[in-house]
Amino acid sequence: VRLVVPAGWGPRRRTWMRHAAHRAGLGQPTLV
């Protein structure tokens, strides 16, 4: 799984995105 995120997102928002992917059963995604 690769998820596209804005370049201006900081660690907090990126962590939030990873938590959502993990809760959806997608494991640890790669954020691009």
Full PDB file with SEQRES, HELIX, SHEET, SSBOND, CRYST1, ORIGX, SCALE, CONECT and MASTER records, all heavy atoms in Angstrom:
SEQRES   1 A   32  VAL ARG LEU VAL VAL PRO ALA GLY TRP GLY PRO ARG ARG          
SEQRES   2 A   32  ARG THR TRP MET ARG HIS ALA ALA HIS ARG ALA GLY LEU          
SEQRES   3 A   32  GLY GLN PRO THR LEU VAL                                      
HELIX    1 AA1 PRO A   11  ARG A   23  1                                  13    
SHEET    1 AA1 2 ARG A   2  LEU A   3  0                                        
SHEET    2 AA1 2 THR A  30  LEU A  31  1                                        
CRYST1    1.000    1.000    1.000  90.00  90.00  90.00 P 1           1          
ORIGX1      1.000000  0.000000  0.000000        0.00000                         
ORIGX2      0.000000  1.000000  0.000000        0.00000                         
ORIGX3      0.000000  0.000000  1.000000        0.00000                         
SCALE1      1.000000  0.000000  0.000000        0.00000                         
SCALE2      0.000000  1.000000  0.000000        0.00000                         
SCALE3      0.000000  0.000000  1.000000        0.00000                         
ATOM      1  N   VAL A   1       0.846  -1.187   0.000  1.00  0.00           N  
ATOM      2  CA  VAL A   1       0.000   0.000   0.000  1.00  0.00           C  
ATOM      3  C   VAL A   1       0.883   1.238   0.000  1.00  0.00           C  
ATOM      4  O   VAL A   1       1.800   1.362   0.829  1.00  0.00           O  
ATOM      5  CB  VAL A   1      -0.944   0.027   1.222  1.00  0.00           C  
ATOM      6  CG1 VAL A   1      -1.779   1.307   1.226  1.00  0.00           C  
ATOM      7  CG2 VAL A   1      -1.851  -1.189   1.221  1.00  0.00           C  
ATOM      8  N   ARG A   2       0.612   2.141  -0.929  1.00  0.00           N  
ATOM      9  CA  ARG A   2       1.304   3.431  -0.978  1.00  0.00           C  
ATOM     10  C   ARG A   2       0.252   4.527  -0.939  1.00  0.00           C  
ATOM     11  O   ARG A   2      -0.669   4.531  -1.768  1.00  0.00           O  
ATOM     12  CB  ARG A   2       2.150   3.546  -2.243  1.00  0.00           C  
ATOM     13  CG  ARG A   2       3.243   2.500  -2.317  1.00  0.00           C  
ATOM     14  CD  ARG A   2       4.150   2.697  -3.511  1.00  0.00           C  
ATOM     15  NE  ARG A   2       5.183   1.672  -3.550  1.00  0.00           N  
ATOM     16  CZ  ARG A   2       6.201   1.667  -4.396  1.00  0.00           C  
ATOM     17  NH1 ARG A   2       6.303   2.652  -5.285  1.00  0.00           N  
ATOM     18  NH2 ARG A   2       7.095   0.712  -4.364  1.00  0.00           N  
ATOM     19  N   LEU A   3       0.396   5.424  -0.006  1.00  0.00           N  
ATOM     20  CA  LEU A   3      -0.561   6.507   0.169  1.00  0.00           C  
ATOM     21  C   LEU A   3       0.121   7.834  -0.151  1.00  0.00           C  
ATOM     22  O   LEU A   3       1.240   8.096   0.309  1.00  0.00           O  
ATOM     23  CB  LEU A   3      -1.094   6.528   1.607  1.00  0.00           C  
ATOM     24  CG  LEU A   3      -1.811   5.247   2.073  1.00  0.00           C  
ATOM     25  CD1 LEU A   3      -2.238   5.390   3.531  1.00  0.00           C  
ATOM     26  CD2 LEU A   3      -3.016   4.953   1.192  1.00  0.00           C  
ATOM     27  N   VAL A   4      -0.556   8.654  -0.931  1.00  0.00           N  
ATOM     28  CA  VAL A   4      -0.030   9.962  -1.320  1.00  0.00           C  
ATOM     29  C   VAL A   4      -0.457  10.988  -0.279  1.00  0.00           C  
ATOM     30  O   VAL A   4      -1.644  11.082   0.068  1.00  0.00           O  
ATOM     31  CB  VAL A   4      -0.540  10.363  -2.711  1.00  0.00           C  
ATOM     32  CG1 VAL A   4      -0.040  11.749  -3.088  1.00  0.00           C  
ATOM     33  CG2 VAL A   4      -0.090   9.343  -3.748  1.00  0.00           C  
ATOM     34  N   VAL A   5       0.523  11.752   0.223  1.00  0.00           N  
ATOM     35  CA  VAL A   5       0.241  12.769   1.239  1.00  0.00           C  
ATOM     36  C   VAL A   5       0.852  14.087   0.784  1.00  0.00           C  
ATOM     37  O   VAL A   5       1.808  14.103  -0.004  1.00  0.00           O  
ATOM     38  CB  VAL A   5       0.823  12.374   2.615  1.00  0.00           C  
ATOM     39  CG1 VAL A   5       0.183  11.099   3.118  1.00  0.00           C  
ATOM     40  CG2 VAL A   5       2.341  12.234   2.542  1.00  0.00           C  
ATOM     41  N   PRO A   6       0.335  15.225   1.257  1.00  0.00           N  
ATOM     42  CA  PRO A   6       0.945  16.519   0.914  1.00  0.00           C  
ATOM     43  C   PRO A   6       2.370  16.621   1.436  1.00  0.00           C  
ATOM     44  O   PRO A   6       2.707  16.058   2.491  1.00  0.00           O  
ATOM     45  CB  PRO A   6       0.013  17.532   1.600  1.00  0.00           C  
ATOM     46  CG  PRO A   6      -1.281  16.808   1.781  1.00  0.00           C  
ATOM     47  CD  PRO A   6      -0.916  15.378   2.017  1.00  0.00           C  
ATOM     48  N   ALA A   7       3.200  17.353   0.721  1.00  0.00           N  
ATOM     49  CA  ALA A   7       4.592  17.512   1.143  1.00  0.00           C  
ATOM     50  C   ALA A   7       4.711  18.305   2.432  1.00  0.00           C  
ATOM     51  O   ALA A   7       5.678  18.152   3.181  1.00  0.00           O  
ATOM     52  CB  ALA A   7       5.394  18.203   0.036  1.00  0.00           C  
ATOM     53  N   GLY A   8       3.717  19.154   2.703  1.00  0.00           N  
ATOM     54  CA  GLY A   8       3.779  19.975   3.906  1.00  0.00           C  
ATOM     55  C   GLY A   8       3.295  19.287   5.168  1.00  0.00           C  
ATOM     56  O   GLY A   8       3.336  19.883   6.249  1.00  0.00           O  
ATOM     57  N   TRP A   9       2.855  18.050   5.089  1.00  0.00           N  
ATOM     58  CA  TRP A   9       2.398  17.344   6.280  1.00  0.00           C  
ATOM     59  C   TRP A   9       3.571  17.035   7.202  1.00  0.00           C  
ATOM     60  O   TRP A   9       4.627  16.543   6.759  1.00  0.00           O  
ATOM     61  CB  TRP A   9       1.706  16.046   5.889  1.00  0.00           C  
ATOM     62  CG  TRP A   9       0.228  16.224   5.627  1.00  0.00           C  
ATOM     63  CD1 TRP A   9      -0.395  17.390   5.303  1.00  0.00           C  
ATOM     64  CD2 TRP A   9      -0.774  15.213   5.666  1.00  0.00           C  
ATOM     65  NE1 TRP A   9      -1.739  17.172   5.130  1.00  0.00           N  
ATOM     66  CE2 TRP A   9      -2.004  15.842   5.351  1.00  0.00           C  
ATOM     67  CE3 TRP A   9      -0.768  13.849   5.919  1.00  0.00           C  
ATOM     68  CZ2 TRP A   9      -3.203  15.147   5.298  1.00  0.00           C  
ATOM     69  CZ3 TRP A   9      -1.965  13.157   5.868  1.00  0.00           C  
ATOM     70  CH2 TRP A   9      -3.169  13.798   5.562  1.00  0.00           C  
ATOM     71  N   GLY A  10       3.343  17.254   8.490  1.00  0.00           N  
ATOM     72  CA  GLY A  10       4.353  16.962   9.484  1.00  0.00           C  
ATOM     73  C   GLY A  10       4.195  15.560  10.053  1.00  0.00           C  
ATOM     74  O   GLY A  10       3.341  14.775   9.622  1.00  0.00           O  
ATOM     75  N   PRO A  11       5.008  15.209  11.063  1.00  0.00           N  
ATOM     76  CA  PRO A  11       4.963  13.854  11.644  1.00  0.00           C  
ATOM     77  C   PRO A  11       3.597  13.487  12.229  1.00  0.00           C  
ATOM     78  O   PRO A  11       3.186  12.323  12.141  1.00  0.00           O  
ATOM     79  CB  PRO A  11       6.039  13.907  12.730  1.00  0.00           C  
ATOM     80  CG  PRO A  11       6.947  15.027  12.322  1.00  0.00           C  
ATOM     81  CD  PRO A  11       6.079  16.024  11.644  1.00  0.00           C  
ATOM     82  N   ARG A  12       2.902  14.455  12.827  1.00  0.00           N  
ATOM     83  CA  ARG A  12       1.623  14.133  13.467  1.00  0.00           C  
ATOM     84  C   ARG A  12       0.606  13.659  12.446  1.00  0.00           C  
ATOM     85  O   ARG A  12      -0.062  12.633  12.632  1.00  0.00           O  
ATOM     86  CB  ARG A  12       1.101  15.353  14.224  1.00  0.00           C  
ATOM     87  CG  ARG A  12      -0.203  15.095  14.973  1.00  0.00           C  
ATOM     88  CD  ARG A  12      -0.613  16.339  15.752  1.00  0.00           C  
ATOM     89  NE  ARG A  12      -0.875  17.461  14.862  1.00  0.00           N  
ATOM     90  CZ  ARG A  12      -2.044  17.647  14.230  1.00  0.00           C  
ATOM     91  NH1 ARG A  12      -3.030  16.784  14.382  1.00  0.00           N  
ATOM     92  NH2 ARG A  12      -2.209  18.696  13.448  1.00  0.00           N  
ATOM     93  N   ARG A  13       0.478  14.386  11.341  1.00  0.00           N  
ATOM     94  CA  ARG A  13      -0.489  13.997  10.319  1.00  0.00           C  
ATOM     95  C   ARG A  13      -0.088  12.702   9.624  1.00  0.00           C  
ATOM     96  O   ARG A  13      -0.947  11.878   9.290  1.00  0.00           O  
ATOM     97  CB  ARG A  13      -0.639  15.116   9.294  1.00  0.00           C  
ATOM     98  CG  ARG A  13      -1.385  16.334   9.820  1.00  0.00           C  
ATOM     99  CD  ARG A  13      -1.526  17.381   8.749  1.00  0.00           C  
ATOM    100  NE  ARG A  13      -2.370  18.490   9.179  1.00  0.00           N  
ATOM    101  CZ  ARG A  13      -2.634  19.558   8.435  1.00  0.00           C  
ATOM    102  NH1 ARG A  13      -2.110  19.646   7.209  1.00  0.00           N  
ATOM    103  NH2 ARG A  13      -3.405  20.527   8.885  1.00  0.00           N  
ATOM    104  N   ARG A  14       1.194  12.512   9.421  1.00  0.00           N  
ATOM    105  CA  ARG A  14       1.642  11.277   8.778  1.00  0.00           C  
ATOM    106  C   ARG A  14       1.379  10.067   9.681  1.00  0.00           C  
ATOM    107  O   ARG A  14       1.012   8.988   9.198  1.00  0.00           O  
ATOM    108  CB  ARG A  14       3.124  11.382   8.417  1.00  0.00           C  
ATOM    109  CG  ARG A  14       3.406  12.433   7.348  1.00  0.00           C  
ATOM    110  CD  ARG A  14       4.899  12.660   7.156  1.00  0.00           C  
ATOM    111  NE  ARG A  14       5.124  13.797   6.278  1.00  0.00           N  
ATOM    112  CZ  ARG A  14       5.586  13.718   5.031  1.00  0.00           C  
ATOM    113  NH1 ARG A  14       5.860  12.532   4.506  1.00  0.00           N  
ATOM    114  NH2 ARG A  14       5.778  14.798   4.312  1.00  0.00           N  
ATOM    115  N   THR A  15       1.589  10.251  10.978  1.00  0.00           N  
ATOM    116  CA  THR A  15       1.288   9.171  11.909  1.00  0.00           C  
ATOM    117  C   THR A  15      -0.210   8.862  11.916  1.00  0.00           C  
ATOM    118  O   THR A  15      -0.620   7.692  11.977  1.00  0.00           O  
ATOM    119  CB  THR A  15       1.765   9.553  13.317  1.00  0.00           C  
ATOM    120  OG1 THR A  15       3.172   9.802  13.286  1.00  0.00           O  
ATOM    121  CG2 THR A  15       1.481   8.438  14.314  1.00  0.00           C  
ATOM    122  N   TRP A  16      -1.024   9.907  11.869  1.00  0.00           N  
ATOM    123  CA  TRP A  16      -2.472   9.718  11.817  1.00  0.00           C  
ATOM    124  C   TRP A  16      -2.871   8.918  10.572  1.00  0.00           C  
ATOM    125  O   TRP A  16      -3.712   8.023  10.637  1.00  0.00           O  
ATOM    126  CB  TRP A  16      -3.136  11.090  11.808  1.00  0.00           C  
ATOM    127  CG  TRP A  16      -4.628  11.076  11.616  1.00  0.00           C  
ATOM    128  CD1 TRP A  16      -5.576  10.831  12.555  1.00  0.00           C  
ATOM    129  CD2 TRP A  16      -5.326  11.332  10.392  1.00  0.00           C  
ATOM    130  NE1 TRP A  16      -6.829  10.912  12.008  1.00  0.00           N  
ATOM    131  CE2 TRP A  16      -6.707  11.212  10.681  1.00  0.00           C  
ATOM    132  CE3 TRP A  16      -4.934  11.637   9.096  1.00  0.00           C  
ATOM    133  CZ2 TRP A  16      -7.681  11.405   9.704  1.00  0.00           C  
ATOM    134  CZ3 TRP A  16      -5.901  11.831   8.126  1.00  0.00           C  
ATOM    135  CH2 TRP A  16      -7.262  11.711   8.432  1.00  0.00           C  
ATOM    136  N   MET A  17      -2.257   9.188   9.447  1.00  0.00           N  
ATOM    137  CA  MET A  17      -2.545   8.452   8.215  1.00  0.00           C  
ATOM    138  C   MET A  17      -2.139   6.990   8.354  1.00  0.00           C  
ATOM    139  O   MET A  17      -2.867   6.071   7.921  1.00  0.00           O  
ATOM    140  CB  MET A  17      -1.821   9.108   7.042  1.00  0.00           C  
ATOM    141  CG  MET A  17      -1.983   8.377   5.715  1.00  0.00           C  
ATOM    142  SD  MET A  17      -3.682   8.397   5.101  1.00  0.00           S  
ATOM    143  CE  MET A  17      -3.774  10.048   4.424  1.00  0.00           C  
ATOM    144  N   ARG A  18      -0.999   6.735   8.960  1.00  0.00           N  
ATOM    145  CA  ARG A  18      -0.569   5.346   9.150  1.00  0.00           C  
ATOM    146  C   ARG A  18      -1.509   4.589  10.085  1.00  0.00           C  
ATOM    147  O   ARG A  18      -1.791   3.408   9.869  1.00  0.00           O  
ATOM    148  CB  ARG A  18       0.868   5.322   9.690  1.00  0.00           C  
ATOM    149  CG  ARG A  18       1.934   5.741   8.681  1.00  0.00           C  
ATOM    150  CD  ARG A  18       3.329   5.438   9.205  1.00  0.00           C  
ATOM    151  NE  ARG A  18       4.347   5.721   8.203  1.00  0.00           N  
ATOM    152  CZ  ARG A  18       4.989   6.873   8.109  1.00  0.00           C  
ATOM    153  NH1 ARG A  18       4.703   7.862   8.961  1.00  0.00           N  
ATOM    154  NH2 ARG A  18       5.903   7.066   7.178  1.00  0.00           N  
ATOM    155  N   HIS A  19      -2.001   5.272  11.129  1.00  0.00           N  
ATOM    156  CA  HIS A  19      -2.950   4.625  12.039  1.00  0.00           C  
ATOM    157  C   HIS A  19      -4.231   4.244  11.300  1.00  0.00           C  
ATOM    158  O   HIS A  19      -4.784   3.156  11.516  1.00  0.00           O  
ATOM    159  CB  HIS A  19      -3.270   5.561  13.206  1.00  0.00           C  
ATOM    160  CG  HIS A  19      -2.169   5.632  14.209  1.00  0.00           C  
ATOM    161  ND1 HIS A  19      -2.127   6.602  15.203  1.00  0.00           N  
ATOM    162  CD2 HIS A  19      -1.049   4.883  14.383  1.00  0.00           C  
ATOM    163  CE1 HIS A  19      -1.034   6.425  15.933  1.00  0.00           C  
ATOM    164  NE2 HIS A  19      -0.367   5.384  15.461  1.00  0.00           N  
ATOM    165  N   ALA A  20      -4.702   5.139  10.438  1.00  0.00           N  
ATOM    166  CA  ALA A  20      -5.921   4.841   9.686  1.00  0.00           C  
ATOM    167  C   ALA A  20      -5.717   3.645   8.771  1.00  0.00           C  
ATOM    168  O   ALA A  20      -6.588   2.764   8.655  1.00  0.00           O  
ATOM    169  CB  ALA A  20      -6.350   6.064   8.885  1.00  0.00           C  
ATOM    170  N   ALA A  21      -4.562   3.580   8.094  1.00  0.00           N  
ATOM    171  CA  ALA A  21      -4.295   2.441   7.219  1.00  0.00           C  
ATOM    172  C   ALA A  21      -4.188   1.152   8.011  1.00  0.00           C  
ATOM    173  O   ALA A  21      -4.680   0.091   7.584  1.00  0.00           O  
ATOM    174  CB  ALA A  21      -3.009   2.694   6.425  1.00  0.00           C  
ATOM    175  N   HIS A  22      -3.543   1.209   9.165  1.00  0.00           N  
ATOM    176  CA  HIS A  22      -3.417   0.008   9.999  1.00  0.00           C  
ATOM    177  C   HIS A  22      -4.783  -0.450  10.488  1.00  0.00           C  
ATOM    178  O   HIS A  22      -5.070  -1.667  10.501  1.00  0.00           O  
ATOM    179  CB  HIS A  22      -2.496   0.312  11.177  1.00  0.00           C  
ATOM    180  CG  HIS A  22      -2.286  -0.861  12.080  1.00  0.00           C  
ATOM    181  ND1 HIS A  22      -1.527  -1.942  11.723  1.00  0.00           N  
ATOM    182  CD2 HIS A  22      -2.751  -1.125  13.350  1.00  0.00           C  
ATOM    183  CE1 HIS A  22      -1.520  -2.835  12.709  1.00  0.00           C  
ATOM    184  NE2 HIS A  22      -2.258  -2.350  13.703  1.00  0.00           N  
ATOM    185  N   ARG A  23      -5.646   0.479  10.875  1.00  0.00           N  
ATOM    186  CA  ARG A  23      -6.984   0.120  11.345  1.00  0.00           C  
ATOM    187  C   ARG A  23      -7.830  -0.454  10.204  1.00  0.00           C  
ATOM    188  O   ARG A  23      -8.748  -1.244  10.440  1.00  0.00           O  
ATOM    189  CB  ARG A  23      -7.657   1.340  11.950  1.00  0.00           C  
ATOM    190  CG  ARG A  23      -8.917   1.022  12.737  1.00  0.00           C  
ATOM    191  CD  ARG A  23      -9.363   2.216  13.556  1.00  0.00           C  
ATOM    192  NE  ARG A  23      -8.374   2.588  14.563  1.00  0.00           N  
ATOM    193  CZ  ARG A  23      -8.555   3.574  15.447  1.00  0.00           C  
ATOM    194  NH1 ARG A  23      -9.688   4.279  15.438  1.00  0.00           N  
ATOM    195  NH2 ARG A  23      -7.628   3.856  16.333  1.00  0.00           N  
ATOM    196  N   ALA A  24      -7.519  -0.056   8.972  1.00  0.00           N  
ATOM    197  CA  ALA A  24      -8.245  -0.597   7.825  1.00  0.00           C  
ATOM    198  C   ALA A  24      -7.715  -1.965   7.408  1.00  0.00           C  
ATOM    199  O   ALA A  24      -8.213  -2.552   6.445  1.00  0.00           O  
ATOM    200  CB  ALA A  24      -8.149   0.369   6.645  1.00  0.00           C  
ATOM    201  N   GLY A  25      -6.718  -2.482   8.127  1.00  0.00           N  
ATOM    202  CA  GLY A  25      -6.172  -3.795   7.816  1.00  0.00           C  
ATOM    203  C   GLY A  25      -5.159  -3.790   6.696  1.00  0.00           C  
ATOM    204  O   GLY A  25      -4.937  -4.820   6.059  1.00  0.00           O  
ATOM    205  N   LEU A  26      -4.517  -2.629   6.440  1.00  0.00           N  
ATOM    206  CA  LEU A  26      -3.578  -2.514   5.327  1.00  0.00           C  
ATOM    207  C   LEU A  26      -2.120  -2.577   5.764  1.00  0.00           C  
ATOM    208  O   LEU A  26      -1.221  -2.328   4.960  1.00  0.00           O  
ATOM    209  CB  LEU A  26      -3.826  -1.203   4.571  1.00  0.00           C  
ATOM    210  CG  LEU A  26      -5.230  -1.025   3.999  1.00  0.00           C  
ATOM    211  CD1 LEU A  26      -5.345   0.313   3.305  1.00  0.00           C  
ATOM    212  CD2 LEU A  26      -5.556  -2.155   3.042  1.00  0.00           C  
ATOM    213  N   GLY A  27      -1.880  -2.876   7.025  1.00  0.00           N  
ATOM    214  CA  GLY A  27      -0.512  -2.953   7.505  1.00  0.00           C  
ATOM    215  C   GLY A  27       0.141  -1.581   7.576  1.00  0.00           C  
ATOM    216  O   GLY A  27      -0.518  -0.567   7.806  1.00  0.00           O  
ATOM    217  N   GLN A  28       1.445  -1.548   7.387  1.00  0.00           N  
ATOM    218  CA  GLN A  28       2.195  -0.293   7.412  1.00  0.00           C  
ATOM    219  C   GLN A  28       2.384   0.206   5.983  1.00  0.00           C  
ATOM    220  O   GLN A  28       3.161  -0.375   5.216  1.00  0.00           O  
ATOM    221  CB  GLN A  28       3.546  -0.489   8.099  1.00  0.00           C  
ATOM    222  CG  GLN A  28       3.463  -0.692   9.597  1.00  0.00           C  
ATOM    223  CD  GLN A  28       2.861   0.522  10.286  1.00  0.00           C  
ATOM    224  OE1 GLN A  28       3.093   1.672   9.898  1.00  0.00           O  
ATOM    225  NE2 GLN A  28       2.069   0.277  11.321  1.00  0.00           N  
ATOM    226  N   PRO A  29       1.697   1.276   5.601  1.00  0.00           N  
ATOM    227  CA  PRO A  29       1.812   1.753   4.214  1.00  0.00           C  
ATOM    228  C   PRO A  29       3.080   2.573   4.000  1.00  0.00           C  
ATOM    229  O   PRO A  29       3.723   3.033   4.949  1.00  0.00           O  
ATOM    230  CB  PRO A  29       0.574   2.632   4.056  1.00  0.00           C  
ATOM    231  CG  PRO A  29       0.377   3.203   5.433  1.00  0.00           C  
ATOM    232  CD  PRO A  29       0.787   2.105   6.397  1.00  0.00           C  
ATOM    233  N   THR A  30       3.439   2.760   2.748  1.00  0.00           N  
ATOM    234  CA  THR A  30       4.517   3.673   2.356  1.00  0.00           C  
ATOM    235  C   THR A  30       3.888   5.011   1.988  1.00  0.00           C  
ATOM    236  O   THR A  30       3.022   5.070   1.111  1.00  0.00           O  
ATOM    237  CB  THR A  30       5.298   3.115   1.157  1.00  0.00           C  
ATOM    238  OG1 THR A  30       5.872   1.856   1.511  1.00  0.00           O  
ATOM    239  CG2 THR A  30       6.403   4.079   0.740  1.00  0.00           C  
ATOM    240  N   LEU A  31       4.299   6.065   2.677  1.00  0.00           N  
ATOM    241  CA  LEU A  31       3.770   7.394   2.397  1.00  0.00           C  
ATOM    242  C   LEU A  31       4.661   8.076   1.368  1.00  0.00           C  
ATOM    243  O   LEU A  31       5.881   8.179   1.547  1.00  0.00           O  
ATOM    244  CB  LEU A  31       3.698   8.230   3.671  1.00  0.00           C  
ATOM    245  CG  LEU A  31       2.843   7.667   4.812  1.00  0.00           C  
ATOM    246  CD1 LEU A  31       2.728   8.685   5.946  1.00  0.00           C  
ATOM    247  CD2 LEU A  31       1.460   7.278   4.315  1.00  0.00           C  
ATOM    248  N   VAL A  32       4.046   8.524   0.297  1.00  0.00           N  
ATOM    249  CA  VAL A  32       4.766   9.194  -0.790  1.00  0.00           C  
ATOM    250  C   VAL A  32       4.249  10.625  -0.888  1.00  0.00           C  
ATOM    251  O   VAL A  32       3.034  10.847  -0.963  1.00  0.00           O  
ATOM    252  CB  VAL A  32       4.564   8.469  -2.131  1.00  0.00           C  
ATOM    253  CG1 VAL A  32       5.346   9.168  -3.239  1.00  0.00           C  
ATOM    254  CG2 VAL A  32       4.975   7.012  -2.020  1.00  0.00           C  
TER     255      VAL A  32                                                      
MASTER        0    0    0    1    2    0    0    6  254    1    0    3          
END                                                                             
